[in-house]
Amino acid sequence: MKEQAIESKKAAGLFEKYKTDPDPKNRELAGIWAGSIGLQDVDGLSVSSYLVELSIRNIEGEVTIKEVEALIEKHYKNQKSGK
């Protein structure tokens, strides 16, 4: 199954709602993710819907950045091997 790609500008815009979040950590993480994903647009790249999902889960405190890294690595290993 091919993963859905999201235009980087559109993906970065998904973090707008966190700009006014009462939690400063959420605001900071949203800014970091928006910037990181937005940089992909400089090279004309898109990001996966899976990355966007994980970034939102990270902002909301469901997963740590280390867990995001591990989940991405596992996801793409499985995708490469056809699992």
Protein backbone atom coordinates (compact mmCIF):
# COMPACT_ATOMS: atom_id res chain seq x y z
CA MET A 1 0.00 0.00 0.00
CA LYS A 2 1.44 3.36 -1.04
CA GLU A 3 1.56 5.92 1.70
CA GLN A 4 -0.13 9.25 1.17
CA ALA A 5 2.23 12.19 0.75
CA ILE A 6 1.28 15.61 2.01
CA GLU A 7 2.57 18.85 0.54
CA SER A 8 5.03 20.27 3.07
CA LYS A 9 3.37 23.70 3.25
CA LYS A 10 0.01 22.10 3.96
CA ALA A 11 1.53 19.77 6.56
CA ALA A 12 3.31 22.62 8.34
CA GLY A 13 -0.01 24.49 8.45
CA LEU A 14 -1.55 21.70 10.51
CA PHE A 15 0.44 22.97 13.48
CA GLU A 16 -1.15 26.43 13.45
CA LYS A 17 -3.68 25.47 16.12
CA TYR A 18 -0.85 24.90 18.57
CA LYS A 19 0.39 28.51 18.31
CA THR A 20 -2.14 29.49 20.98
CA ASP A 21 -1.88 26.33 23.07
CA PRO A 22 -1.71 27.18 26.77
CA ASP A 23 1.18 24.74 27.21
CA PRO A 24 4.47 26.39 26.17
CA LYS A 25 6.03 22.98 25.50
CA ASN A 26 3.31 22.20 22.94
CA ARG A 27 3.86 25.59 21.29
CA GLU A 28 7.60 24.95 21.13
CA LEU A 29 7.26 21.44 19.71
CA ALA A 30 4.73 22.61 17.14
CA GLY A 31 7.14 25.32 16.01
CA ILE A 32 9.97 22.81 15.72
CA TRP A 33 7.87 20.35 13.73
CA ALA A 34 6.41 23.06 11.49
CA GLY A 35 9.89 24.39 10.76
CA SER A 36 11.34 20.95 10.12
CA ILE A 37 8.54 19.94 7.81
CA GLY A 38 8.51 23.35 6.16
CA LEU A 39 12.18 22.95 5.25
CA GLN A 40 11.21 20.02 3.07
CA ASP A 41 9.33 22.46 0.87
CA VAL A 42 12.57 24.30 0.10
CA ASP A 43 13.70 21.19 -1.78
CA GLY A 44 10.28 20.62 -3.32
CA LEU A 45 9.67 17.56 -1.15
CA SER A 46 6.51 16.30 0.49
CA VAL A 47 6.17 14.46 3.78
CA SER A 48 4.27 11.32 4.61
CA SER A 49 0.96 11.37 6.39
CA TYR A 50 2.58 8.98 8.88
CA LEU A 51 5.21 11.57 9.82
CA VAL A 52 2.53 14.22 10.30
CA GLU A 53 0.51 11.83 12.48
CA LEU A 54 3.57 11.05 14.63
CA SER A 55 4.53 14.70 14.93
CA ILE A 56 1.07 15.58 16.24
CA ARG A 57 1.23 12.68 18.69
CA ASN A 58 4.60 14.01 19.85
CA ILE A 59 3.26 17.53 20.34
CA GLU A 60 0.32 16.17 22.33
CA GLY A 61 2.64 14.14 24.56
CA GLU A 62 1.54 10.69 23.40
CA VAL A 63 5.03 9.73 22.20
CA THR A 64 8.53 11.05 22.85
CA ILE A 65 10.90 12.10 20.09
CA LYS A 66 12.88 8.88 20.68
CA GLU A 67 9.69 6.88 20.16
CA VAL A 68 8.97 8.87 16.99
CA GLU A 69 12.43 7.98 15.68
CA ALA A 70 11.96 4.28 16.50
CA LEU A 71 8.46 4.16 14.99
CA ILE A 72 9.61 5.83 11.77
CA GLU A 73 12.57 3.48 11.45
CA LYS A 74 10.35 0.43 12.05
CA HIS A 75 7.68 1.71 9.67
CA TYR A 76 10.06 2.19 6.77
CA LYS A 77 11.91 -1.06 7.40
CA ASN A 78 8.57 -2.86 7.25
CA GLN A 79 7.54 -0.90 4.16
CA LYS A 80 10.83 -1.74 2.43
CA SER A 81 10.46 -5.44 3.20
CA GLY A 82 6.84 -5.42 2.04
CA LYS A 83 5.27 -6.10 5.44
